[in-house]
Amino acid sequence: MKVKSSIERGAEYLCIKLGDVVTAIELIGVVKGLPMWEVERKIGEGCRKRLIVSARSLMPLNAPQGAV
């Protein structure tokens, strides 16, 4: 089963759950019908942390106000 997602690899998004800007790295798989993405967030100067989040929790940075 192929799941369509508007998330693009390498683009920056606001992760709603973290409240931080993250970069989408790779589509990992589908869990309960939701696409799961590996994302990377910058913690400090050179520190980065990779997490796996659902595509639903990623919002484009240039989204119009009120859109979710």
N, C-alpha and C. Protein backbone atom coordinates (compact mmCIF):
# COMPACT_ATOMS: atom_id res chain seq x y z
N MET A 1 0.84 -1.18 0.00
CA MET A 1 0.00 0.00 0.00
C MET A 1 0.88 1.24 0.00
N LYS A 2 0.63 2.14 -0.91
CA LYS A 2 1.41 3.37 -1.02
C LYS A 2 0.62 4.51 -0.40
N VAL A 3 1.27 5.28 0.45
CA VAL A 3 0.63 6.40 1.13
C VAL A 3 1.20 7.69 0.56
N LYS A 4 0.32 8.60 0.13
CA LYS A 4 0.77 9.90 -0.37
C LYS A 4 0.98 10.84 0.80
N SER A 5 2.03 11.59 0.73
CA SER A 5 2.34 12.55 1.78
C SER A 5 2.84 13.84 1.15
N SER A 6 2.46 14.96 1.72
CA SER A 6 2.90 16.24 1.19
C SER A 6 4.25 16.66 1.78
N ILE A 7 4.81 15.82 2.62
CA ILE A 7 6.11 16.10 3.24
C ILE A 7 7.20 15.82 2.21
N GLU A 8 8.16 16.73 2.10
CA GLU A 8 9.26 16.58 1.16
C GLU A 8 10.57 16.39 1.91
N ARG A 9 11.38 15.49 1.41
CA ARG A 9 12.69 15.21 2.02
C ARG A 9 13.57 16.45 1.92
N GLY A 10 14.21 16.82 3.03
CA GLY A 10 15.13 17.95 3.06
C GLY A 10 14.48 19.29 3.38
N ALA A 11 13.15 19.34 3.38
CA ALA A 11 12.45 20.60 3.68
C ALA A 11 12.31 20.79 5.18
N GLU A 12 12.14 22.05 5.60
CA GLU A 12 11.99 22.35 7.02
C GLU A 12 10.52 22.49 7.37
N TYR A 13 10.17 21.98 8.56
CA TYR A 13 8.79 22.00 9.04
C TYR A 13 8.78 22.36 10.51
N LEU A 14 7.63 22.85 10.97
CA LEU A 14 7.42 23.08 12.39
C LEU A 14 6.81 21.81 12.95
N CYS A 15 7.48 21.20 13.91
CA CYS A 15 6.95 20.01 14.56
C CYS A 15 6.07 20.47 15.70
N ILE A 16 4.78 20.23 15.57
CA ILE A 16 3.80 20.72 16.54
C ILE A 16 4.06 20.14 17.93
N LYS A 17 4.40 18.87 18.00
CA LYS A 17 4.62 18.22 19.30
C LYS A 17 5.85 18.76 20.02
N LEU A 18 6.89 19.10 19.27
CA LEU A 18 8.12 19.62 19.88
C LEU A 18 8.11 21.13 20.01
N GLY A 19 7.37 21.80 19.11
CA GLY A 19 7.39 23.26 19.09
C GLY A 19 8.70 23.79 18.54
N ASP A 20 9.33 23.02 17.66
CA ASP A 20 10.64 23.37 17.14
C ASP A 20 10.68 23.11 15.63
N VAL A 21 11.60 23.78 14.95
CA VAL A 21 11.77 23.59 13.51
C VAL A 21 12.64 22.35 13.30
N VAL A 22 12.19 21.47 12.40
CA VAL A 22 12.92 20.24 12.10
C VAL A 22 13.09 20.12 10.58
N THR A 23 14.03 19.27 10.17
CA THR A 23 14.26 18.98 8.76
C THR A 23 13.85 17.53 8.51
N ALA A 24 13.01 17.32 7.49
CA ALA A 24 12.57 15.97 7.15
C ALA A 24 13.73 15.22 6.48
N ILE A 25 14.03 14.03 6.99
CA ILE A 25 15.14 13.25 6.48
C ILE A 25 14.64 12.14 5.55
N GLU A 26 13.76 11.29 6.06
CA GLU A 26 13.36 10.12 5.28
C GLU A 26 12.02 9.57 5.77
N LEU A 27 11.21 9.08 4.84
CA LEU A 27 9.97 8.39 5.18
C LEU A 27 10.34 7.00 5.67
N ILE A 28 9.98 6.69 6.91
CA ILE A 28 10.38 5.44 7.53
C ILE A 28 9.39 4.31 7.23
N GLY A 29 8.11 4.61 7.35
CA GLY A 29 7.10 3.58 7.14
C GLY A 29 5.73 4.12 7.49
N VAL A 30 4.77 3.22 7.62
CA VAL A 30 3.40 3.59 7.93
C VAL A 30 2.98 2.82 9.18
N VAL A 31 2.46 3.54 10.17
CA VAL A 31 1.96 2.93 11.40
C VAL A 31 0.51 3.35 11.57
N LYS A 32 -0.38 2.38 11.58
CA LYS A 32 -1.82 2.62 11.72
C LYS A 32 -2.32 3.62 10.69
N GLY A 33 -1.81 3.53 9.48
CA GLY A 33 -2.25 4.38 8.39
C GLY A 33 -1.59 5.75 8.33
N LEU A 34 -0.72 6.06 9.28
CA LEU A 34 -0.05 7.36 9.30
C LEU A 34 1.39 7.22 8.83
N PRO A 35 1.82 8.03 7.86
CA PRO A 35 3.22 8.00 7.44
C PRO A 35 4.11 8.52 8.57
N MET A 36 5.19 7.81 8.83
CA MET A 36 6.14 8.19 9.88
C MET A 36 7.43 8.68 9.23
N TRP A 37 7.90 9.84 9.68
CA TRP A 37 9.10 10.46 9.11
C TRP A 37 10.21 10.55 10.15
N GLU A 38 11.43 10.30 9.68
CA GLU A 38 12.60 10.58 10.49
C GLU A 38 12.94 12.04 10.26
N VAL A 39 13.02 12.81 11.35
CA VAL A 39 13.33 14.23 11.25
C VAL A 39 14.55 14.53 12.11
N GLU A 40 15.18 15.65 11.82
CA GLU A 40 16.37 16.06 12.56
C GLU A 40 16.16 17.47 13.07
N ARG A 41 16.42 17.66 14.35
CA ARG A 41 16.34 19.02 14.90
C ARG A 41 17.69 19.43 15.45
N LYS A 42 17.94 20.71 15.36
CA LYS A 42 19.21 21.26 15.82
C LYS A 42 19.06 21.64 17.29
N ILE A 43 19.95 21.12 18.13
CA ILE A 43 19.87 21.38 19.56
C ILE A 43 20.78 22.53 19.96
N GLY A 44 22.00 22.49 19.49
CA GLY A 44 22.96 23.53 19.83
C GLY A 44 23.76 23.90 18.60
N GLU A 45 24.97 24.36 18.80
CA GLU A 45 25.83 24.75 17.68
C GLU A 45 26.05 23.59 16.70
N GLY A 46 26.55 22.48 17.18
CA GLY A 46 26.85 21.37 16.30
C GLY A 46 26.02 20.13 16.61
N CYS A 47 25.21 20.21 17.64
CA CYS A 47 24.44 19.04 18.08
C CYS A 47 23.13 18.93 17.32
N ARG A 48 22.83 17.71 16.87
CA ARG A 48 21.57 17.44 16.20
C ARG A 48 20.99 16.15 16.77
N LYS A 49 19.68 16.08 16.77
CA LYS A 49 19.02 14.89 17.27
C LYS A 49 18.00 14.43 16.24
N ARG A 50 17.96 13.12 15.98
CA ARG A 50 17.00 12.56 15.03
C ARG A 50 15.87 11.90 15.79
N LEU A 51 14.65 12.13 15.31
CA LEU A 51 13.45 11.59 15.92
C LEU A 51 12.55 11.04 14.84
N ILE A 52 11.61 10.19 15.22
CA ILE A 52 10.60 9.70 14.29
C ILE A 52 9.25 10.24 14.74
N VAL A 53 8.58 10.96 13.84
CA VAL A 53 7.28 11.56 14.14
C VAL A 53 6.31 11.27 13.00
N SER A 54 5.02 11.41 13.28
CA SER A 54 4.03 11.20 12.23
C SER A 54 3.95 12.45 11.35
N ALA A 55 3.57 12.24 10.10
CA ALA A 55 3.45 13.36 9.16
C ALA A 55 2.40 14.36 9.64
N ARG A 56 1.44 13.89 10.41
CA ARG A 56 0.38 14.77 10.93
C ARG A 56 0.94 15.85 11.85
N SER A 57 2.05 15.58 12.52
CA SER A 57 2.62 16.55 13.46
C SER A 57 3.57 17.54 12.80
N LEU A 58 3.75 17.44 11.48
CA LEU A 58 4.64 18.36 10.76
C LEU A 58 3.82 19.38 9.97
N MET A 59 4.12 20.66 10.19
CA MET A 59 3.41 21.73 9.51
C MET A 59 4.41 22.58 8.74
N PRO A 60 4.15 22.85 7.45
CA PRO A 60 5.08 23.67 6.67
C PRO A 60 5.28 25.04 7.32
N LEU A 61 6.50 25.57 7.21
CA LEU A 61 6.80 26.87 7.81
C LEU A 61 6.06 28.01 7.13
N ASN A 62 5.76 27.87 5.85
CA ASN A 62 5.10 28.95 5.12
C ASN A 62 3.60 28.75 5.00
N ALA A 63 2.99 27.99 5.93
CA ALA A 63 1.55 27.75 5.89
C ALA A 63 0.79 29.03 6.27
N PRO A 64 -0.35 29.30 5.63
CA PRO A 64 -1.14 30.48 6.00
C PRO A 64 -1.71 30.33 7.39
N GLN A 65 -2.00 31.45 8.04
CA GLN A 65 -2.54 31.45 9.39
C GLN A 65 -3.88 30.72 9.42
N GLY A 66 -4.09 29.91 10.44
CA GLY A 66 -5.33 29.18 10.61
C GLY A 66 -5.35 27.85 9.92
N ALA A 67 -4.39 27.54 9.08
CA ALA A 67 -4.35 26.26 8.38
C ALA A 67 -3.62 25.23 9.24
N VAL A 68 -4.17 24.05 9.32
CA VAL A 68 -3.52 22.98 10.10
C VAL A 68 -3.50 21.72 9.29
